[in-house]
Amino acid sequence: TISRDNAKNMVYLQMNSLKPEDTAIYYCAADA
């Protein structure tokens, strides 16, 4: 589940039921 708080300039990614195939480097990025 992704969410953002514009008042705090934050974005979150809640990851549940994780699997071995979720193993990776995770990046956030901004799109204008």
All heavy atoms as atom14 arrays in JSON, in Angstrom:
{
  "sequence": "TISRDNAKNMVYLQMNSLKPEDTAIYYCAADA",
  "atom14_mask": [
    [1, 1, 1, 1, 1, 1, 1, 0, 0, 0, 0, 0, 0, 0],
    [1, 1, 1, 1, 1, 1, 1, 1, 0, 0, 0, 0, 0, 0],
    [1, 1, 1, 1, 1, 1, 0, 0, 0, 0, 0, 0, 0, 0],
    [1, 1, 1, 1, 1, 1, 1, 1, 1, 1, 1, 0, 0, 0],
    [1, 1, 1, 1, 1, 1, 1, 1, 0, 0, 0, 0, 0, 0],
    [1, 1, 1, 1, 1, 1, 1, 1, 0, 0, 0, 0, 0, 0],
    [1, 1, 1, 1, 1, 0, 0, 0, 0, 0, 0, 0, 0, 0],
    [1, 1, 1, 1, 1, 1, 1, 1, 1, 0, 0, 0, 0, 0],
    [1, 1, 1, 1, 1, 1, 1, 1, 0, 0, 0, 0, 0, 0],
    [1, 1, 1, 1, 1, 1, 1, 1, 0, 0, 0, 0, 0, 0],
    [1, 1, 1, 1, 1, 1, 1, 0, 0, 0, 0, 0, 0, 0],
    [1, 1, 1, 1, 1, 1, 1, 1, 1, 1, 1, 1, 0, 0],
    [1, 1, 1, 1, 1, 1, 1, 1, 0, 0, 0, 0, 0, 0],
    [1, 1, 1, 1, 1, 1, 1, 1, 1, 0, 0, 0, 0, 0],
    [1, 1, 1, 1, 1, 1, 1, 1, 0, 0, 0, 0, 0, 0],
    [1, 1, 1, 1, 1, 1, 1, 1, 0, 0, 0, 0, 0, 0],
    [1, 1, 1, 1, 1, 1, 0, 0, 0, 0, 0, 0, 0, 0],
    [1, 1, 1, 1, 1, 1, 1, 1, 0, 0, 0, 0, 0, 0],
    [1, 1, 1, 1, 1, 1, 1, 1, 1, 0, 0, 0, 0, 0],
    [1, 1, 1, 1, 1, 1, 1, 0, 0, 0, 0, 0, 0, 0],
    [1, 1, 1, 1, 1, 1, 1, 1, 1, 0, 0, 0, 0, 0],
    [1, 1, 1, 1, 1, 1, 1, 1, 0, 0, 0, 0, 0, 0],
    [1, 1, 1, 1, 1, 1, 1, 0, 0, 0, 0, 0, 0, 0],
    [1, 1, 1, 1, 1, 0, 0, 0, 0, 0, 0, 0, 0, 0],
    [1, 1, 1, 1, 1, 1, 1, 1, 0, 0, 0, 0, 0, 0],
    [1, 1, 1, 1, 1, 1, 1, 1, 1, 1, 1, 1, 0, 0],
    [1, 1, 1, 1, 1, 1, 1, 1, 1, 1, 1, 1, 0, 0],
    [1, 1, 1, 1, 1, 1, 0, 0, 0, 0, 0, 0, 0, 0],
    [1, 1, 1, 1, 1, 0, 0, 0, 0, 0, 0, 0, 0, 0],
    [1, 1, 1, 1, 1, 0, 0, 0, 0, 0, 0, 0, 0, 0],
    [1, 1, 1, 1, 1, 1, 1, 1, 0, 0, 0, 0, 0, 0],
    [1, 1, 1, 1, 1, 0, 0, 0, 0, 0, 0, 0, 0, 0]
  ],
  "atom14_positions": [
    [[0.84, -1.19, 0.0], [0.0, 0.0, 0.0], [0.88, 1.24, 0.0], [1.75, 1.38, 0.86], [-0.92, 0.03, 1.22], [-1.72, -1.16, 1.26], [-1.84, 1.24, 1.17], [0.0, 0.0, 0.0], [0.0, 0.0, 0.0], [0.0, 0.0, 0.0], [0.0, 0.0, 0.0], [0.0, 0.0, 0.0], [0.0, 0.0, 0.0], [0.0, 0.0, 0.0]],
    [[0.63, 2.12, -0.96], [1.37, 3.38, -1.04], [0.5, 4.5, -0.47], [-0.73, 4.48, -0.62], [1.79, 3.68, -2.5], [2.79, 4.84, -2.54], [0.57, 3.98, -3.37], [3.43, 5.04, -3.93], [0.0, 0.0, 0.0], [0.0, 0.0, 0.0], [0.0, 0.0, 0.0], [0.0, 0.0, 0.0], [0.0, 0.0, 0.0], [0.0, 0.0, 0.0]],
    [[1.15, 5.46, 0.18], [0.44, 6.63, 0.68], [1.41, 7.81, 0.71], [2.63, 7.61, 0.67], [-0.13, 6.37, 2.08], [0.89, 6.07, 2.99], [0.0, 0.0, 0.0], [0.0, 0.0, 0.0], [0.0, 0.0, 0.0], [0.0, 0.0, 0.0], [0.0, 0.0, 0.0], [0.0, 0.0, 0.0], [0.0, 0.0, 0.0], [0.0, 0.0, 0.0]],
    [[0.85, 9.01, 0.77], [1.7, 10.19, 0.86], [1.09, 11.18, 1.84], [-0.13, 11.24, 2.0], [1.92, 10.82, -0.51], [0.72, 11.48, -1.14], [1.04, 11.93, -2.58], [1.97, 13.05, -2.61], [2.63, 13.42, -3.71], [2.45, 12.76, -4.85], [3.46, 14.45, -3.67], [0.0, 0.0, 0.0], [0.0, 0.0, 0.0], [0.0, 0.0, 0.0]],
    [[1.98, 11.96, 2.45], [1.58, 13.03, 3.35], [2.21, 14.3, 2.82], [3.4, 14.55, 3.06], [2.05, 12.7, 4.77], [1.58, 13.72, 5.8], [1.24, 14.86, 5.4], [1.57, 13.4, 6.99], [0.0, 0.0, 0.0], [0.0, 0.0, 0.0], [0.0, 0.0, 0.0], [0.0, 0.0, 0.0], [0.0, 0.0, 0.0], [0.0, 0.0, 0.0]],
    [[1.46, 15.09, 2.11], [2.02, 16.29, 1.48], [2.43, 17.34, 2.51], [3.3, 18.16, 2.24], [1.03, 16.88, 0.48], [0.96, 16.07, -0.81], [1.81, 15.23, -1.07], [-0.06, 16.31, -1.62], [0.0, 0.0, 0.0], [0.0, 0.0, 0.0], [0.0, 0.0, 0.0], [0.0, 0.0, 0.0], [0.0, 0.0, 0.0], [0.0, 0.0, 0.0]],
    [[1.82, 17.31, 3.67], [2.19, 18.27, 4.72], [3.59, 17.97, 5.27], [4.28, 18.88, 5.74], [1.17, 18.24, 5.84], [0.0, 0.0, 0.0], [0.0, 0.0, 0.0], [0.0, 0.0, 0.0], [0.0, 0.0, 0.0], [0.0, 0.0, 0.0], [0.0, 0.0, 0.0], [0.0, 0.0, 0.0], [0.0, 0.0, 0.0], [0.0, 0.0, 0.0]],
    [[3.98, 16.7, 5.2], [5.29, 16.3, 5.73], [6.3, 15.99, 4.63], [7.43, 15.6, 4.92], [5.13, 15.07, 6.62], [4.31, 15.32, 7.87], [4.22, 14.07, 8.73], [3.44, 14.34, 10.01], [3.34, 13.11, 10.86], [0.0, 0.0, 0.0], [0.0, 0.0, 0.0], [0.0, 0.0, 0.0], [0.0, 0.0, 0.0], [0.0, 0.0, 0.0]],
    [[5.9, 16.13, 3.37], [6.78, 15.79, 2.23], [7.28, 14.35, 2.32], [8.47, 14.07, 2.12], [7.99, 16.75, 2.16], [7.6, 18.12, 1.66], [6.43, 18.43, 1.5], [8.59, 18.96, 1.42], [0.0, 0.0, 0.0], [0.0, 0.0, 0.0], [0.0, 0.0, 0.0], [0.0, 0.0, 0.0], [0.0, 0.0, 0.0], [0.0, 0.0, 0.0]],
    [[6.35, 13.45, 2.62], [6.71, 12.04, 2.81], [5.82, 11.14, 1.96], [4.63, 11.42, 1.74], [6.54, 11.63, 4.26], [7.45, 12.33, 5.25], [9.18, 11.82, 5.09], [9.08, 10.09, 5.56], [0.0, 0.0, 0.0], [0.0, 0.0, 0.0], [0.0, 0.0, 0.0], [0.0, 0.0, 0.0], [0.0, 0.0, 0.0], [0.0, 0.0, 0.0]],
    [[6.42, 10.05, 1.5], [5.68, 8.97, 0.85], [6.07, 7.66, 1.54], [7.23, 7.49, 1.91], [5.98, 8.89, -0.65], [5.29, 7.68, -1.28], [5.54, 10.15, -1.34], [0.0, 0.0, 0.0], [0.0, 0.0, 0.0], [0.0, 0.0, 0.0], [0.0, 0.0, 0.0], [0.0, 0.0, 0.0], [0.0, 0.0, 0.0], [0.0, 0.0, 0.0]],
    [[5.09, 6.79, 1.69], [5.31, 5.53, 2.38], [4.91, 4.35, 1.49], [4.02, 4.47, 0.65], [4.49, 5.48, 3.67], [4.71, 6.67, 4.56], [3.83, 7.74, 4.55], [5.82, 6.73, 5.4], [4.02, 8.85, 5.36], [6.03, 7.83, 6.21], [5.13, 8.88, 6.19], [5.34, 9.98, 6.98], [0.0, 0.0, 0.0], [0.0, 0.0, 0.0]],
    [[5.57, 3.23, 1.72], [5.18, 2.0, 1.06], [5.09, 0.92, 2.13], [6.11, 0.48, 2.66], [6.18, 1.59, -0.02], [5.78, 0.37, -0.84], [4.56, 0.7, -1.73], [6.92, -0.12, -1.72], [0.0, 0.0, 0.0], [0.0, 0.0, 0.0], [0.0, 0.0, 0.0], [0.0, 0.0, 0.0], [0.0, 0.0, 0.0], [0.0, 0.0, 0.0]],
    [[3.87, 0.56, 2.49], [3.64, -0.51, 3.44], [3.65, -1.83, 2.7], [2.85, -2.04, 1.78], [2.3, -0.32, 4.16], [1.96, -1.41, 5.16], [2.91, -1.44, 6.34], [3.24, -0.4, 6.9], [3.33, -2.64, 6.73], [0.0, 0.0, 0.0], [0.0, 0.0, 0.0], [0.0, 0.0, 0.0], [0.0, 0.0, 0.0], [0.0, 0.0, 0.0]],
    [[4.55, -2.71, 3.09], [4.72, -3.98, 2.41], [4.39, -5.12, 3.37], [5.08, -5.28, 4.39], [6.15, -4.12, 1.9], [6.6, -2.96, 1.03], [8.21, -3.22, 0.26], [9.26, -3.31, 1.7], [0.0, 0.0, 0.0], [0.0, 0.0, 0.0], [0.0, 0.0, 0.0], [0.0, 0.0, 0.0], [0.0, 0.0, 0.0], [0.0, 0.0, 0.0]],
    [[3.35, -5.86, 3.06], [2.92, -6.99, 3.89], [3.07, -8.29, 3.12], [3.21, -8.29, 1.89], [1.46, -6.79, 4.3], [1.25, -5.55, 5.15], [2.13, -5.13, 5.9], [0.07, -4.95, 5.03], [0.0, 0.0, 0.0], [0.0, 0.0, 0.0], [0.0, 0.0, 0.0], [0.0, 0.0, 0.0], [0.0, 0.0, 0.0], [0.0, 0.0, 0.0]],
    [[3.01, -9.39, 3.84], [3.09, -10.72, 3.22], [4.28, -10.81, 2.28], [4.15, -11.28, 1.13], [1.79, -11.05, 2.49], [0.69, -10.99, 3.36], [0.0, 0.0, 0.0], [0.0, 0.0, 0.0], [0.0, 0.0, 0.0], [0.0, 0.0, 0.0], [0.0, 0.0, 0.0], [0.0, 0.0, 0.0], [0.0, 0.0, 0.0], [0.0, 0.0, 0.0]],
    [[5.41, -10.36, 2.74], [6.59, -10.3, 1.87], [7.05, -11.68, 1.44], [6.94, -12.66, 2.21], [7.71, -9.56, 2.58], [7.52, -8.03, 2.57], [8.38, -7.38, 3.65], [7.87, -7.46, 1.21], [0.0, 0.0, 0.0], [0.0, 0.0, 0.0], [0.0, 0.0, 0.0], [0.0, 0.0, 0.0], [0.0, 0.0, 0.0], [0.0, 0.0, 0.0]],
    [[7.56, -11.75, 0.22], [8.03, -13.0, -0.37], [9.5, -12.86, -0.74], [9.99, -11.74, -0.96], [7.23, -13.29, -1.65], [5.73, -13.33, -1.46], [5.03, -13.51, -2.8], [3.52, -13.52, -2.65], [2.83, -13.69, -3.96], [0.0, 0.0, 0.0], [0.0, 0.0, 0.0], [0.0, 0.0, 0.0], [0.0, 0.0, 0.0], [0.0, 0.0, 0.0]],
    [[10.22, -13.95, -0.84], [11.64, -13.87, -1.25], [11.82, -13.12, -2.57], [12.82, -12.42, -2.73], [12.05, -15.33, -1.37], [11.17, -16.03, -0.39], [9.85, -15.32, -0.47], [0.0, 0.0, 0.0], [0.0, 0.0, 0.0], [0.0, 0.0, 0.0], [0.0, 0.0, 0.0], [0.0, 0.0, 0.0], [0.0, 0.0, 0.0], [0.0, 0.0, 0.0]],
    [[10.87, -13.23, -3.47], [10.99, -12.54, -4.75], [10.8, -11.02, -4.64], [10.99, -10.31, -5.63], [10.0, -13.11, -5.78], [8.58, -13.2, -5.3], [8.22, -14.6, -4.79], [9.05, -15.19, -4.05], [7.11, -15.07, -5.11], [0.0, 0.0, 0.0], [0.0, 0.0, 0.0], [0.0, 0.0, 0.0], [0.0, 0.0, 0.0], [0.0, 0.0, 0.0]],
    [[10.45, -10.52, -3.46], [10.4, -9.08, -3.24], [11.77, -8.5, -2.9], [11.92, -7.29, -2.81], [9.43, -8.75, -2.1], [7.98, -9.09, -2.42], [7.56, -8.81, -3.56], [7.31, -9.63, -1.53], [0.0, 0.0, 0.0], [0.0, 0.0, 0.0], [0.0, 0.0, 0.0], [0.0, 0.0, 0.0], [0.0, 0.0, 0.0], [0.0, 0.0, 0.0]],
    [[12.75, -9.36, -2.74], [14.11, -8.91, -2.43], [14.66, -8.06, -3.55], [14.68, -8.47, -4.72], [15.03, -10.12, -2.18], [14.57, -10.82, -1.03], [16.46, -9.67, -2.0], [0.0, 0.0, 0.0], [0.0, 0.0, 0.0], [0.0, 0.0, 0.0], [0.0, 0.0, 0.0], [0.0, 0.0, 0.0], [0.0, 0.0, 0.0], [0.0, 0.0, 0.0]],
    [[15.09, -6.85, -3.21], [15.6, -5.91, -4.21], [16.03, -4.63, -3.5], [15.77, -4.45, -2.3], [14.51, -5.57, -5.24], [0.0, 0.0, 0.0], [0.0, 0.0, 0.0], [0.0, 0.0, 0.0], [0.0, 0.0, 0.0], [0.0, 0.0, 0.0], [0.0, 0.0, 0.0], [0.0, 0.0, 0.0], [0.0, 0.0, 0.0], [0.0, 0.0, 0.0]],
    [[16.66, -3.74, -4.27], [16.85, -2.37, -3.81], [15.61, -1.6, -4.23], [15.21, -1.66, -5.41], [18.12, -1.75, -4.39], [19.35, -2.53, -3.95], [18.24, -0.29, -3.93], [20.64, -2.06, -4.59], [0.0, 0.0, 0.0], [0.0, 0.0, 0.0], [0.0, 0.0, 0.0], [0.0, 0.0, 0.0], [0.0, 0.0, 0.0], [0.0, 0.0, 0.0]],
    [[15.04, -0.87, -3.3], [13.82, -0.1, -3.56], [14.17, 1.39, -3.64], [14.85, 1.91, -2.77], [12.79, -0.34, -2.46], [12.09, -1.67, -2.59], [12.77, -2.86, -2.36], [10.76, -1.75, -2.98], [12.14, -4.09, -2.5], [10.11, -2.96, -3.12], [10.81, -4.13, -2.88], [10.17, -5.35, -3.02], [0.0, 0.0, 0.0], [0.0, 0.0, 0.0]],
    [[13.66, 2.02, -4.69], [13.93, 3.43, -4.94], [12.61, 4.21, -4.98], [11.62, 3.71, -5.52], [14.61, 3.63, -6.29], [15.91, 2.9, -6.46], [15.95, 1.61, -6.96], [17.12, 3.53, -6.15], [17.16, 0.93, -7.13], [18.33, 2.87, -6.32], [18.34, 1.57, -6.81], [19.53, 0.92, -6.98], [0.0, 0.0, 0.0], [0.0, 0.0, 0.0]],
    [[12.63, 5.43, -4.46], [11.51, 6.32, -4.74], [11.96, 7.35, -5.77], [13.16, 7.65, -5.89], [10.97, 6.98, -3.48], [12.06, 8.16, -2.68], [0.0, 0.0, 0.0], [0.0, 0.0, 0.0], [0.0, 0.0, 0.0], [0.0, 0.0, 0.0], [0.0, 0.0, 0.0], [0.0, 0.0, 0.0], [0.0, 0.0, 0.0], [0.0, 0.0, 0.0]],
    [[11.0, 7.85, -6.5], [11.3, 8.78, -7.58], [10.15, 9.77, -7.73], [9.01, 9.48, -7.35], [11.51, 8.02, -8.89], [0.0, 0.0, 0.0], [0.0, 0.0, 0.0], [0.0, 0.0, 0.0], [0.0, 0.0, 0.0], [0.0, 0.0, 0.0], [0.0, 0.0, 0.0], [0.0, 0.0, 0.0], [0.0, 0.0, 0.0], [0.0, 0.0, 0.0]],
    [[10.47, 10.93, -8.29], [9.5, 12.02, -8.45], [9.29, 12.33, -9.92], [10.26, 12.44, -10.68], [9.99, 13.26, -7.7], [0.0, 0.0, 0.0], [0.0, 0.0, 0.0], [0.0, 0.0, 0.0], [0.0, 0.0, 0.0], [0.0, 0.0, 0.0], [0.0, 0.0, 0.0], [0.0, 0.0, 0.0], [0.0, 0.0, 0.0], [0.0, 0.0, 0.0]],
    [[8.04, 12.5, -10.3], [7.64, 12.73, -11.7], [6.88, 14.04, -11.8], [5.81, 14.18, -11.22], [6.78, 11.56, -12.16], [6.22, 11.74, -13.56], [6.71, 12.63, -14.3], [5.3, 10.99, -13.93], [0.0, 0.0, 0.0], [0.0, 0.0, 0.0], [0.0, 0.0, 0.0], [0.0, 0.0, 0.0], [0.0, 0.0, 0.0], [0.0, 0.0, 0.0]],
    [[7.43, 14.99, -12.59], [6.8, 16.3, -12.73], [5.77, 16.34, -13.84], [5.09, 17.36, -14.01], [7.87, 17.37, -12.98], [0.0, 0.0, 0.0], [0.0, 0.0, 0.0], [0.0, 0.0, 0.0], [0.0, 0.0, 0.0], [0.0, 0.0, 0.0], [0.0, 0.0, 0.0], [0.0, 0.0, 0.0], [0.0, 0.0, 0.0], [0.0, 0.0, 0.0]]
  ]
}
